[in-house]
Structure formats: C-alpha cells, structure tokens
Amino acid sequence: MSDNAAVGQKNGSQSIQWRERELKDLRPSDRNARTHSQRQIRQIADSISAFGNINPIIIDAEGRIVAGHGRAAACKLLKLTRVPVIEVSHLNETQLRAYALADNRIAEGAGWDSELLAIELKALQPPCRHGPPFGRHRLQCRRRGFA
C-alpha cells in the first residue's frame, strides 16, 4: 500500500484512513508519558511477528506519533521499514494530547473474565506461546503443557 493508498471507514463526520508510511518518517512525541520496558517492546515485537502488523500507529498531520510508541519501537526492533498508520487530522493539539493519555489509560481499567480466559488459553493449546503474556494465566497455560 502506498502513502496515498488508504482503506477508509466512516466514523461520524470524519473518515478514518489506514495508510502505510515509512517508519523513519514518524517522530515520537516529546510529550509521551507512557513508558515501555525492553521486555514489553520484545513482547509487542513477538506479537507482530506472530499475528502481523495489524494495529496501526496513530499519527498527527506532521507524522508525530500520538499513540503507538511501543508498536513503533517494536517495528524498529524487527527492522520493519513500513508500518500501518492512521493519520488524525480532525483533532486539535489539546484533543490530540488528551487522546494520547486516554488511549493508554482507559485500557488499564479493564479486567479479565478468568473462566473465559482459561477456556480460551486451553483452546489455544499449544500455540499459547504465541499469545500475549497473562501473568498467572500464562503460568497455568505452561503447567497444563500448552506453552
């Protein structure tokens, strides 16, 4: 897909455009408050390797990363040159900053249904090792011989 090619989806009044861009052309935000350990970046890279690079990096009109700094670091680790992005042009600077915080913070409030998670992990035997880490659930997966 070229920089000009896009997969569009209407969302209210704006059109969301998925594009591919050169990773080297994206700039991390100076205001990124989220941190990523090398271990987490490796986990993101492993996920991209296992499932493909299907979660786009959110950028502003100047190519500055709004959300997806960890994904960008993982892509760099994998030596990818082109990455999927969504360019956000309908938000002002304050809204972009608020979105960057919300994107990272909102998911922290989610939980897991332990019973359904155990069922899913069991169903994924032996590919458990390709899924994301699940703390004690990951250990249970290993104990059951799925990883």
C-alpha atoms as a PDB file:
ATOM      1  CA  MET A   1       0.000   0.000   0.000  1.00  0.00           C
ATOM      2  CA  SER A   2       1.490   3.392  -0.886  1.00  0.00           C
ATOM      3  CA  ASP A   3       1.426   6.535   1.238  1.00  0.00           C
ATOM      4  CA  ASN A   4      -1.514   7.731  -0.830  1.00  0.00           C
ATOM      5  CA  ALA A   5      -3.467   4.473  -0.803  1.00  0.00           C
ATOM      6  CA  ALA A   6      -5.887   4.074   2.066  1.00  0.00           C
ATOM      7  CA  VAL A   7      -8.542   1.852   3.483  1.00  0.00           C
ATOM      8  CA  GLY A   8     -11.312   4.151   4.628  1.00  0.00           C
ATOM      9  CA  GLN A   9     -14.050   3.796   7.177  1.00  0.00           C
ATOM     10  CA  LYS A  10     -16.622   6.411   8.070  1.00  0.00           C
ATOM     11  CA  ASN A  11     -16.773   7.278  11.767  1.00  0.00           C
ATOM     12  CA  GLY A  12     -19.298  10.018  12.395  1.00  0.00           C
ATOM     13  CA  SER A  13     -18.330  13.002  10.292  1.00  0.00           C
ATOM     14  CA  GLN A  14     -14.671  12.123   9.723  1.00  0.00           C
ATOM     15  CA  SER A  15     -13.221   9.438   7.535  1.00  0.00           C
ATOM     16  CA  ILE A  16     -10.616   7.197   9.141  1.00  0.00           C
ATOM     17  CA  GLN A  17      -7.811   6.383   6.727  1.00  0.00           C
ATOM     18  CA  TRP A  18      -5.382   3.498   7.241  1.00  0.00           C
ATOM     19  CA  ARG A  19      -2.135   4.033   5.353  1.00  0.00           C
ATOM     20  CA  GLU A  20       1.373   2.662   5.279  1.00  0.00           C
ATOM     21  CA  ARG A  21       4.215   5.062   5.996  1.00  0.00           C
ATOM     22  CA  GLU A  22       7.969   4.805   6.283  1.00  0.00           C
ATOM     23  CA  LEU A  23       8.820   4.168   9.934  1.00  0.00           C
ATOM     24  CA  LYS A  24      11.808   6.509   9.645  1.00  0.00           C
ATOM     25  CA  ASP A  25       9.417   9.363   8.804  1.00  0.00           C
ATOM     26  CA  LEU A  26       7.464   9.030  12.068  1.00  0.00           C
ATOM     27  CA  ARG A  27       8.532  11.100  15.065  1.00  0.00           C
ATOM     28  CA  PRO A  28       7.913  10.161  18.695  1.00  0.00           C
ATOM     29  CA  SER A  29       6.016  12.736  20.707  1.00  0.00           C
ATOM     30  CA  ASP A  30       8.074  14.802  23.145  1.00  0.00           C
ATOM     31  CA  ARG A  31       5.063  14.590  25.477  1.00  0.00           C
ATOM     32  CA  ASN A  32       4.658  10.809  25.524  1.00  0.00           C
ATOM     33  CA  ALA A  33       4.083   9.971  29.203  1.00  0.00           C
ATOM     34  CA  ARG A  34       3.827   6.212  28.634  1.00  0.00           C
ATOM     35  CA  THR A  35       6.936   4.110  29.176  1.00  0.00           C
ATOM     36  CA  HIS A  36       7.845   0.726  27.687  1.00  0.00           C
ATOM     37  CA  SER A  37      10.457  -1.666  29.039  1.00  0.00           C
ATOM     38  CA  GLN A  38      12.684  -3.541  26.605  1.00  0.00           C
ATOM     39  CA  ARG A  39      10.836  -6.699  27.691  1.00  0.00           C
ATOM     40  CA  GLN A  40       7.480  -5.203  26.732  1.00  0.00           C
ATOM     41  CA  ILE A  41       8.818  -3.958  23.391  1.00  0.00           C
ATOM     42  CA  ARG A  42      10.059  -7.511  22.729  1.00  0.00           C
ATOM     43  CA  GLN A  43       6.565  -8.845  23.614  1.00  0.00           C
ATOM     44  CA  ILE A  44       4.971  -6.398  21.176  1.00  0.00           C
ATOM     45  CA  ALA A  45       7.513  -7.429  18.522  1.00  0.00           C
ATOM     46  CA  ASP A  46       6.724 -11.105  19.160  1.00  0.00           C
ATOM     47  CA  SER A  47       3.020 -10.359  18.737  1.00  0.00           C
ATOM     48  CA  ILE A  48       3.644  -8.525  15.463  1.00  0.00           C
ATOM     49  CA  SER A  49       5.753 -11.458  14.260  1.00  0.00           C
ATOM     50  CA  ALA A  50       3.079 -13.973  15.213  1.00  0.00           C
ATOM     51  CA  PHE A  51      -0.039 -12.138  14.009  1.00  0.00           C
ATOM     52  CA  GLY A  52       1.136  -9.458  11.589  1.00  0.00           C
ATOM     53  CA  ASN A  53       1.345  -5.716  11.997  1.00  0.00           C
ATOM     54  CA  ILE A  54      -2.415  -5.173  12.206  1.00  0.00           C
ATOM     55  CA  ASN A  55      -2.642  -2.467  14.873  1.00  0.00           C
ATOM     56  CA  PRO A  56      -1.870   0.919  13.305  1.00  0.00           C
ATOM     57  CA  ILE A  57       0.177   3.676  14.883  1.00  0.00           C
ATOM     58  CA  ILE A  58      -1.839   6.873  15.346  1.00  0.00           C
ATOM     59  CA  ILE A  59      -0.076   9.970  14.000  1.00  0.00           C
ATOM     60  CA  ASP A  60      -0.878  13.636  13.511  1.00  0.00           C
ATOM     61  CA  ALA A  61      -0.613  15.534  10.225  1.00  0.00           C
ATOM     62  CA  GLU A  62       3.133  16.127  10.784  1.00  0.00           C
ATOM     63  CA  GLY A  63       3.907  12.427  11.323  1.00  0.00           C
ATOM     64  CA  ARG A  64       4.264  12.771  15.090  1.00  0.00           C
ATOM     65  CA  ILE A  65       3.192   9.650  16.989  1.00  0.00           C
ATOM     66  CA  VAL A  66       0.093  10.271  19.094  1.00  0.00           C
ATOM     67  CA  ALA A  67      -0.453   6.649  20.163  1.00  0.00           C
ATOM     68  CA  GLY A  68       1.654   3.614  19.401  1.00  0.00           C
ATOM     69  CA  HIS A  69       5.141   4.458  20.637  1.00  0.00           C
ATOM     70  CA  GLY A  70       5.582   0.857  21.832  1.00  0.00           C
ATOM     71  CA  ARG A  71       4.452  -0.509  18.472  1.00  0.00           C
ATOM     72  CA  ALA A  72       6.859   1.844  16.682  1.00  0.00           C
ATOM     73  CA  ALA A  73       9.742   0.678  18.903  1.00  0.00           C
ATOM     74  CA  ALA A  74       8.798  -2.961  18.248  1.00  0.00           C
ATOM     75  CA  CYS A  75       8.710  -2.330  14.484  1.00  0.00           C
ATOM     76  CA  LYS A  76      12.148  -0.742  14.696  1.00  0.00           C
ATOM     77  CA  LEU A  77      13.393  -3.788  16.643  1.00  0.00           C
ATOM     78  CA  LEU A  78      12.006  -6.004  13.873  1.00  0.00           C
ATOM     79  CA  LYS A  79      13.709  -3.796  11.266  1.00  0.00           C
ATOM     80  CA  LEU A  80      10.405  -3.067   9.533  1.00  0.00           C
ATOM     81  CA  THR A  81      10.592  -0.119   7.170  1.00  0.00           C
ATOM     82  CA  ARG A  82       6.875   0.482   6.512  1.00  0.00           C
ATOM     83  CA  VAL A  83       4.146   0.467   9.154  1.00  0.00           C
ATOM     84  CA  PRO A  84       0.372   0.897   9.199  1.00  0.00           C
ATOM     85  CA  VAL A  85      -0.771   4.284  10.459  1.00  0.00           C
ATOM     86  CA  ILE A  86      -3.932   6.275  10.926  1.00  0.00           C
ATOM     87  CA  GLU A  87      -3.393   9.989  10.431  1.00  0.00           C
ATOM     88  CA  VAL A  88      -5.659  12.026  12.680  1.00  0.00           C
ATOM     89  CA  SER A  89      -6.487  15.404  11.210  1.00  0.00           C
ATOM     90  CA  HIS A  90      -9.808  16.258  12.859  1.00  0.00           C
ATOM     91  CA  LEU A  91      -8.441  16.869  16.389  1.00  0.00           C
ATOM     92  CA  ASN A  92      -6.708  19.993  17.615  1.00  0.00           C
ATOM     93  CA  GLU A  93      -3.463  19.889  19.640  1.00  0.00           C
ATOM     94  CA  THR A  94      -5.245  19.768  23.009  1.00  0.00           C
ATOM     95  CA  GLN A  95      -7.525  16.970  21.830  1.00  0.00           C
ATOM     96  CA  LEU A  96      -4.549  15.012  20.476  1.00  0.00           C
ATOM     97  CA  ARG A  97      -2.789  15.287  23.835  1.00  0.00           C
ATOM     98  CA  ALA A  98      -5.929  14.205  25.681  1.00  0.00           C
ATOM     99  CA  TYR A  99      -6.435  11.291  23.287  1.00  0.00           C
ATOM    100  CA  ALA A 100      -2.830  10.134  23.786  1.00  0.00           C
ATOM    101  CA  LEU A 101      -3.410   9.923  27.542  1.00  0.00           C
ATOM    102  CA  ALA A 102      -6.869   8.369  27.217  1.00  0.00           C
ATOM    103  CA  ASP A 103      -5.674   5.744  24.731  1.00  0.00           C
ATOM    104  CA  ASN A 104      -3.163   4.457  27.250  1.00  0.00           C
ATOM    105  CA  ARG A 105      -5.157   4.955  30.431  1.00  0.00           C
ATOM    106  CA  ILE A 106      -8.612   3.603  29.568  1.00  0.00           C
ATOM    107  CA  ALA A 107      -7.422   0.030  28.909  1.00  0.00           C
ATOM    108  CA  GLU A 108      -5.796  -0.082  32.351  1.00  0.00           C
ATOM    109  CA  GLY A 109      -9.269  -0.134  33.900  1.00  0.00           C
ATOM    110  CA  ALA A 110     -10.316  -3.280  32.060  1.00  0.00           C
ATOM    111  CA  GLY A 111     -10.223  -6.688  33.685  1.00  0.00           C
ATOM    112  CA  TRP A 112     -10.352 -10.312  32.642  1.00  0.00           C
ATOM    113  CA  ASP A 113     -13.054 -12.918  32.975  1.00  0.00           C
ATOM    114  CA  SER A 114     -10.809 -15.624  34.451  1.00  0.00           C
ATOM    115  CA  GLU A 115     -13.070 -18.503  33.464  1.00  0.00           C
ATOM    116  CA  LEU A 116     -13.378 -17.395  29.829  1.00  0.00           C
ATOM    117  CA  LEU A 117      -9.663 -16.606  29.661  1.00  0.00           C
ATOM    118  CA  ALA A 118      -8.817 -20.096  30.918  1.00  0.00           C
ATOM    119  CA  ILE A 119     -11.137 -21.588  28.283  1.00  0.00           C
ATOM    120  CA  GLU A 120      -9.500 -19.529  25.525  1.00  0.00           C
ATOM    121  CA  LEU A 121      -5.979 -20.409  26.672  1.00  0.00           C
ATOM    122  CA  LYS A 122      -6.913 -24.084  26.815  1.00  0.00           C
ATOM    123  CA  ALA A 123      -8.426 -23.882  23.317  1.00  0.00           C
ATOM    124  CA  LEU A 124      -5.185 -22.372  22.004  1.00  0.00           C
ATOM    125  CA  GLN A 125      -3.073 -25.338  23.018  1.00  0.00           C
ATOM    126  CA  PRO A 126      -0.144 -25.493  22.090  1.00  0.00           C
ATOM    127  CA  PRO A 127       0.008 -22.033  20.428  1.00  0.00           C
ATOM    128  CA  CYS A 128      -0.301 -20.362  23.841  1.00  0.00           C
ATOM    129  CA  ARG A 129       3.300 -19.271  23.436  1.00  0.00           C
ATOM    130  CA  HIS A 130       2.262 -17.008  20.551  1.00  0.00           C
ATOM    131  CA  GLY A 131      -0.308 -15.125  22.577  1.00  0.00           C
ATOM    132  CA  PRO A 132       0.234 -12.214  24.901  1.00  0.00           C
ATOM    133  CA  PRO A 133       1.530 -12.814  28.423  1.00  0.00           C
ATOM    134  CA  PHE A 134      -1.187 -13.325  31.031  1.00  0.00           C
ATOM    135  CA  GLY A 135       0.697 -13.439  34.325  1.00  0.00           C
ATOM    136  CA  ARG A 136      -0.654 -16.304  36.398  1.00  0.00           C
ATOM    137  CA  HIS A 137      -2.857 -17.367  33.472  1.00  0.00           C
ATOM    138  CA  ARG A 138       0.319 -17.762  31.410  1.00  0.00           C
ATOM    139  CA  LEU A 139       1.767 -19.922  34.194  1.00  0.00           C
ATOM    140  CA  GLN A 140      -1.406 -22.018  34.256  1.00  0.00           C
ATOM    141  CA  CYS A 141      -1.078 -22.433  30.499  1.00  0.00           C
ATOM    142  CA  ARG A 142       2.504 -23.658  30.977  1.00  0.00           C
ATOM    143  CA  ARG A 143       1.538 -26.001  33.804  1.00  0.00           C
ATOM    144  CA  ARG A 144      -1.104 -27.567  31.591  1.00  0.00           C
ATOM    145  CA  GLY A 145       1.527 -28.151  28.932  1.00  0.00           C
ATOM    146  CA  PHE A 146       0.161 -25.641  26.430  1.00  0.00           C
ATOM    147  CA  ALA A 147       3.233 -23.430  26.174  1.00  0.00           C
END
